[in-house]
Protein backbone atom coordinates (compact mmCIF):
# COMPACT_ATOMS: atom_id res chain seq x y z
CA MET A 1 107.88 -46.01 185.53
CA HIS A 2 106.17 -43.12 186.84
CA SER A 3 108.96 -40.81 186.04
CA GLU A 4 109.35 -42.13 182.48
CA LEU A 5 105.78 -41.34 181.84
CA CYS A 6 105.87 -37.82 183.32
CA PRO A 7 107.66 -36.23 180.18
CA THR A 8 105.03 -37.51 177.92
CA THR A 9 102.09 -36.47 180.16
CA SER A 10 103.52 -33.23 180.37
CA THR A 11 103.98 -32.50 176.95
CA LEU A 12 100.51 -33.87 176.20
CA GLU A 13 99.13 -31.24 178.73
CA GLU A 14 101.26 -28.42 177.20
CA ALA A 15 99.59 -29.59 173.63
CA VAL A 16 95.74 -29.56 175.06
CA ALA A 17 96.33 -26.13 176.67
CA VAL A 18 97.76 -24.49 173.57
CA PHE A 19 94.92 -26.19 171.41
CA VAL A 20 92.27 -24.95 174.06
CA GLN A 21 93.86 -21.47 174.06
CA HIS A 22 93.22 -21.17 170.34
CA ARG A 23 90.35 -23.37 169.76
CA THR A 24 87.75 -20.49 169.68
CA ARG A 25 89.68 -19.03 166.66
CA LEU A 26 90.14 -22.04 164.96
CA PHE A 27 86.37 -22.52 165.12
CA GLY A 28 85.66 -19.13 163.89
CA ILE A 29 87.70 -19.42 160.88
CA ALA A 30 86.58 -22.87 159.92
CA TYR A 31 82.94 -21.76 160.37
CA ARG A 32 83.30 -18.57 158.17
CA VAL A 33 84.97 -20.37 155.49
CA LEU A 34 82.23 -23.20 155.53
CA GLY A 35 79.19 -21.74 156.88
CA SER A 36 78.38 -24.87 158.77
CA VAL A 37 78.75 -25.35 162.50
CA VAL A 38 78.87 -29.25 162.12
CA GLU A 39 81.49 -29.05 159.46
CA ALA A 40 83.43 -26.56 161.19
CA GLU A 41 83.56 -28.57 164.39
CA ASP A 42 84.64 -31.65 162.23
CA VAL A 43 87.41 -29.60 161.00
CA VAL A 44 88.72 -28.34 164.50
CA GLN A 45 88.86 -31.96 165.72
CA GLU A 46 90.62 -33.13 162.80
CA VAL A 47 93.03 -30.22 163.78
CA TRP A 48 93.34 -31.40 167.15
CA LEU A 49 94.24 -35.00 166.15
CA ARG A 50 96.93 -33.70 163.82
CA TRP A 51 98.39 -31.12 166.59
CA GLN A 52 98.63 -34.33 168.60
CA LYS A 53 100.62 -36.32 165.81
CA THR A 54 102.87 -33.23 165.14
CA ASP A 55 106.55 -33.27 166.24
CA ARG A 56 105.66 -29.73 168.49
CA SER A 57 109.21 -29.33 169.28
CA VAL A 58 110.12 -27.93 165.88
CA VAL A 59 106.79 -25.71 165.65
CA ILE A 60 107.94 -22.32 165.83
CA SER A 61 104.49 -20.60 166.17
CA PRO A 62 101.69 -22.94 167.60
CA VAL A 63 98.77 -20.21 166.51
CA ALA A 64 100.40 -20.16 162.92
CA PHE A 65 100.56 -24.00 162.33
CA LEU A 66 96.97 -24.20 164.06
CA SER A 67 95.42 -21.56 162.07
CA SER A 68 97.06 -22.88 158.61
CA THR A 69 95.99 -26.38 159.17
CA THR A 70 92.52 -25.44 160.18
CA THR A 71 92.39 -23.03 156.98
CA ARG A 72 93.59 -25.80 154.35
CA LEU A 73 91.11 -28.30 156.11
CA ALA A 74 88.36 -25.89 155.76
CA ILE A 75 89.02 -25.15 152.10
CA ASN A 76 89.26 -28.90 151.13
CA VAL A 77 86.04 -29.27 152.86
CA ALA A 78 84.38 -26.54 151.22
CA GLN A 79 85.41 -27.84 147.86
CA SER A 80 83.75 -31.17 148.55
CA ALA A 81 80.67 -29.40 150.21
CA ARG A 82 80.03 -27.33 147.07
CA VAL A 83 79.55 -30.52 145.13
CA ARG A 84 77.32 -31.93 147.94
CA ARG A 85 74.99 -28.89 147.91
CA GLU A 86 74.07 -29.33 144.25
CA THR A 87 71.76 -32.01 145.36
CA TYR A 88 70.41 -30.00 148.28
CA VAL A 89 66.43 -29.27 147.85
CA GLY A 90 65.67 -25.65 147.67
CA PRO A 91 67.82 -22.75 148.98
CA TRP A 92 70.71 -23.64 151.06
CA LEU A 93 71.65 -21.22 153.98
CA PRO A 94 74.41 -21.45 156.31
CA GLU A 95 73.96 -22.87 159.83
CA PRO A 96 72.93 -20.03 162.35
CA ILE A 97 75.18 -19.90 165.48
CA ASP A 98 74.69 -18.82 168.86
CA THR A 99 76.53 -15.71 169.46
CA SER A 100 75.18 -14.61 172.77
CA SER A 101 78.42 -15.58 174.87
CA ASP A 102 81.09 -14.86 171.82
CA PRO A 103 79.55 -12.11 169.42
CA GLU A 104 82.71 -12.20 167.46
CA VAL A 105 83.19 -16.15 167.47
CA GLY A 106 86.97 -15.85 168.33
CA ALA A 107 87.82 -12.93 165.76
CA GLN A 108 89.19 -9.44 166.11
CA ARG A 109 86.25 -8.30 164.63
CA ALA A 110 82.78 -9.70 163.78
CA GLU A 111 83.14 -9.56 159.83
CA ALA A 112 81.79 -12.24 157.82
CA LEU A 113 79.57 -13.64 160.51
CA GLU A 114 76.01 -12.23 159.58
CA LEU A 115 74.03 -14.77 157.85
CA ALA A 116 73.57 -12.56 154.75
CA LEU A 117 77.21 -12.05 154.18
CA LEU A 118 77.91 -15.79 154.71
CA LEU A 119 75.68 -16.39 151.99
CA VAL A 120 77.29 -13.89 149.67
CA LEU A 121 80.73 -15.43 150.73
CA GLU A 122 79.60 -18.75 148.99
CA LYS A 123 79.62 -17.00 145.75
CA LEU A 124 83.46 -16.62 146.17
CA SER A 125 85.74 -19.80 145.61
CA PRO A 126 86.89 -21.49 148.92
CA THR A 127 90.40 -19.83 148.68
CA GLU A 128 89.08 -16.36 147.91
CA ARG A 129 86.60 -16.83 151.02
CA ALA A 130 89.60 -18.20 153.24
CA ALA A 131 91.62 -15.04 152.29
CA TYR A 132 88.82 -12.73 152.89
CA VAL A 133 88.13 -14.25 156.36
CA LEU A 134 91.73 -14.21 157.42
CA ARG A 135 92.20 -10.66 156.35
CA GLU A 136 89.00 -8.88 157.36
CA ALA A 137 87.84 -10.86 160.52
CA PHE A 138 91.25 -12.07 161.87
CA ASP A 139 93.48 -9.31 160.89
CA TYR A 140 96.02 -11.75 159.58
CA GLY A 141 99.04 -9.74 157.32
CA TYR A 142 99.11 -10.47 153.72
CA PRO A 143 102.48 -12.36 154.16
CA GLU A 144 101.05 -14.61 156.75
CA ILE A 145 97.84 -15.33 154.61
CA ALA A 146 100.16 -15.94 151.48
CA GLU A 147 102.07 -18.73 153.73
CA ILE A 148 98.88 -20.09 154.86
CA LEU A 149 97.38 -20.48 151.31
CA GLN A 150 100.85 -21.01 149.83
CA LEU A 151 100.57 -18.21 147.46
CA SER A 152 102.48 -15.10 146.47
CA VAL A 153 101.79 -11.92 148.77
CA VAL A 154 100.75 -10.09 145.18
CA ASN A 155 98.32 -12.92 144.35
CA VAL A 156 96.61 -12.70 148.07
CA ARG A 157 96.47 -8.89 147.80
CA LYS A 158 94.57 -9.39 144.44
CA ILE A 159 92.31 -12.13 145.78
CA VAL A 160 91.33 -9.93 148.71
CA SER A 161 90.67 -7.02 146.58
CA ARG A 162 88.56 -8.98 144.34
CA ALA A 163 86.52 -10.54 147.20
CA ARG A 164 85.81 -7.03 148.85
CA LYS A 165 84.72 -5.76 145.56
CA HIS A 166 82.35 -8.67 145.04
CA LEU A 167 81.12 -8.41 148.32
CA SER A 168 80.39 -4.70 148.23
CA ALA A 169 78.76 -4.77 144.73
CA GLU A 170 76.34 -7.75 146.77
CA GLN A 171 75.97 -6.01 150.20
CA ARG A 172 73.77 -3.11 151.15
CA GLU A 173 74.61 -0.95 154.06
CA SER A 174 73.20 -2.43 157.00
CA VAL A 175 71.04 -0.72 159.75
CA ASP A 176 72.18 -0.81 163.21
CA THR A 177 71.73 -3.44 165.77
CA ALA A 178 68.72 -1.61 167.61
CA GLU A 179 66.80 -1.11 164.05
CA HIS A 180 67.57 -4.60 162.95
CA ARG A 181 65.95 -5.96 166.15
CA ARG A 182 62.90 -3.52 165.79
CA LEU A 183 62.25 -4.55 162.11
CA LEU A 184 62.45 -8.22 162.92
CA HIS A 185 60.26 -7.90 165.79
CA ALA A 186 57.79 -5.77 163.81
CA PHE A 187 57.91 -8.42 161.06
CA VAL A 188 56.91 -11.39 163.18
CA SER A 189 54.24 -9.53 164.95
CA ALA A 190 52.69 -8.38 161.62
CA ALA A 191 52.84 -11.84 160.50
CA ARG A 192 51.30 -13.40 163.42
CA THR A 193 48.28 -11.17 163.03
CA GLY A 194 48.18 -11.43 159.12
CA ASP A 195 48.61 -7.70 158.75
CA VAL A 196 49.85 -7.68 154.92
CA ALA A 197 49.89 -3.72 154.51
CA SER A 198 51.96 -3.63 157.89
CA LEU A 199 54.53 -6.25 156.27
CA GLU A 200 54.65 -4.61 152.99
CA ALA A 201 55.60 -1.01 154.79
CA LEU A 202 58.59 -3.16 156.60
CA LEU A 203 59.96 -4.61 153.22
CA ALA A 204 62.19 -2.96 150.66
CA PRO A 205 60.64 -3.34 147.06
CA ASP A 206 63.12 -6.14 145.80
CA ALA A 207 62.55 -8.25 148.96
CA VAL A 208 63.55 -12.00 148.73
CA SER A 209 62.41 -14.65 151.17
CA LEU A 210 64.51 -17.85 151.29
CA SER A 211 63.60 -21.02 152.91
CA ASP A 212 66.06 -23.68 153.72
CA GLY A 213 64.27 -26.89 154.49
CA ASN A 214 66.06 -29.35 152.07
CA GLY A 215 62.61 -30.47 150.96
CA ILE A 216 60.82 -30.31 154.20
CA ARG A 217 56.93 -29.82 153.79
CA GLY A 218 55.80 -26.15 153.99
CA ALA A 219 59.28 -24.57 153.27
CA ALA A 220 59.25 -22.78 149.80
CA ARG A 221 61.71 -24.47 147.22
CA ILE A 222 62.44 -21.44 145.28
CA PRO A 223 63.59 -17.81 146.13
CA VAL A 224 60.22 -15.72 146.51
CA LEU A 225 60.87 -12.39 145.15
CA GLY A 226 59.04 -9.03 145.73
CA ARG A 227 57.49 -7.04 148.33
CA ALA A 228 54.01 -8.40 147.73
CA ARG A 229 54.87 -11.89 147.23
CA VAL A 230 57.24 -11.96 150.42
CA ALA A 231 54.23 -10.45 152.66
CA ASN A 232 51.53 -12.87 151.36
CA LEU A 233 54.12 -15.92 151.83
CA ALA A 234 54.60 -14.87 155.46
CA THR A 235 50.76 -14.77 156.29
CA ALA A 236 49.92 -17.84 153.88
CA THR A 237 49.85 -20.31 156.79
CA PRO A 238 47.61 -18.65 159.62
CA ARG A 239 48.00 -22.16 161.63
CA PHE A 240 51.70 -21.85 161.79
CA TRP A 241 51.51 -18.56 163.45
CA ARG A 242 48.58 -19.29 165.52
CA GLU A 243 50.42 -22.18 167.40
CA ALA A 244 53.85 -20.44 167.19
CA ASP A 245 55.88 -19.11 170.10
CA PRO A 246 58.45 -16.88 169.00
CA ARG A 247 61.69 -16.28 170.90
CA LEU A 248 64.41 -13.81 170.25
CA VAL A 249 67.94 -15.40 170.04
CA ASP A 250 71.32 -13.85 169.40
CA ALA A 251 72.64 -15.36 166.08
CA ASN A 252 75.55 -14.49 164.15
CA GLY A 253 76.16 -11.22 165.96
CA ARG A 254 72.50 -10.24 165.34
CA THR A 255 69.04 -10.94 166.66
CA GLY A 256 67.28 -13.95 165.27
CA MET A 257 63.75 -15.43 166.18
CA MET A 258 63.35 -19.07 167.22
CA ILE A 259 60.13 -20.14 166.58
CA TYR A 260 58.83 -23.04 168.69
CA ARG A 261 55.71 -25.24 168.25
CA ASP A 262 54.37 -27.50 170.93
CA GLY A 263 57.54 -26.57 172.81
CA ASP A 264 59.92 -27.54 170.18
CA PRO A 265 61.90 -25.39 167.85
CA ALA A 266 60.45 -25.60 164.43
CA ALA A 267 62.10 -22.72 162.42
CA PHE A 268 64.61 -20.10 162.85
CA VAL A 269 64.30 -16.63 160.99
CA THR A 270 66.51 -13.63 160.55
CA ILE A 271 66.95 -10.66 158.32
CA ALA A 272 68.90 -8.64 156.26
CA ALA A 273 67.99 -4.81 156.20
CA SER A 274 69.02 -1.35 155.00
CA LYS A 275 67.54 2.06 155.23
CA GLU A 276 65.05 0.80 152.48
CA GLY A 277 63.70 -1.52 154.67
CA ILE A 278 63.89 -5.56 154.98
CA TYR A 279 65.52 -6.81 151.71
CA LYS A 280 66.31 -10.46 152.74
CA LEU A 281 64.34 -13.01 154.87
CA MET A 282 66.12 -16.03 155.84
CA TRP A 283 64.00 -19.05 157.14
CA VAL A 284 65.94 -22.09 158.51
CA PHE A 285 63.83 -25.07 158.65
CA ASN A 286 65.81 -27.77 158.42
CA PRO A 287 65.83 -29.75 161.65
CA SER A 288 69.56 -30.64 161.59
CA LYS A 289 70.61 -26.84 161.22
CA ILE A 290 68.38 -25.79 164.05
CA ALA A 291 69.76 -28.47 166.06
CA ALA A 292 73.35 -27.13 165.23
CA PHE A 293 72.53 -24.02 166.52
CA PHE A 294 71.67 -25.37 169.87
CA ASP A 295 74.78 -27.52 169.90
CA SER A 296 77.04 -24.52 169.18
CA ARG A 297 75.87 -23.02 172.54
CA SER A 298 77.98 -25.63 174.35
CA ARG A 299 81.09 -24.75 172.61
CA PHE A 300 81.21 -21.67 174.84
CA ALA A 301 80.32 -23.36 178.24
CA VAL A 302 83.52 -23.28 180.34
CA ALA A 303 85.00 -26.74 180.19
CA GLN A 304 85.52 -28.53 183.73
CA SER A 305 88.91 -29.75 182.30
CA PRO A 306 91.06 -29.23 179.22
CA ALA A 307 89.71 -32.50 177.56
CA ASP A 308 85.98 -31.40 177.42
CA ALA A 309 86.80 -28.65 175.20
CA LEU A 310 87.93 -30.95 172.74
């Protein structure tokens, strides 16, 4: 009986080993397409179930199979997520992810990882988003992307080109990491002391503040536009800042600030900034999204056994 079980056990161990080897990349693809830690984890779990049930003896390239399955599932989830988000109360922001251990989240490059860029990607169709992510972050060739998306190479080139143009029109040239951190720290310091003049000096003229709370009390339900209004909003609740304990975190390849109250994380904030100053403030108050940030840390912990990583 033992000898009969060995081949199956060995085959399953090989399947686990291959999956674990590529798991971070699969999560990275799904997360960039979906902007959700929770949804990306669900996709990766579904890919694992399909990988178990697949006749792996006929799979020529496991990473190609796994990447294709992940991308297609993520596109399907993104299409249904778009409908669900129509009922979301107030601005929707991607879930921040902890990148202290993996700044690129499984990619060759960290492209399409910053919160501001993920937010712009939401304006593309799920297929356009997937094509852009595979090309820009994971450096897949156009023929590979065409096979994954089941489109022609010519069509894929057009889709990626169109996505690049759309993003370049929406995005501004970012400040470097050190300046990003300085501006965020200066913003939070000025907000805590109620220094409106200093806040305005940090903000671009067309600054916008987005608060993701899904109806939670205290979160603005519409975007707040303009330097003066954004500065006033940041200082409108002195009690919030008086009892706040802001702590720097690594989020989406940049510095973010997790704000604690009574020992518990209550809000996350990060910025997008150009040479003109901070032009986008992104606040996450939604408790489930804050929880997802902390849950994402466990993904990078070294698994004690292969099964722990699944």
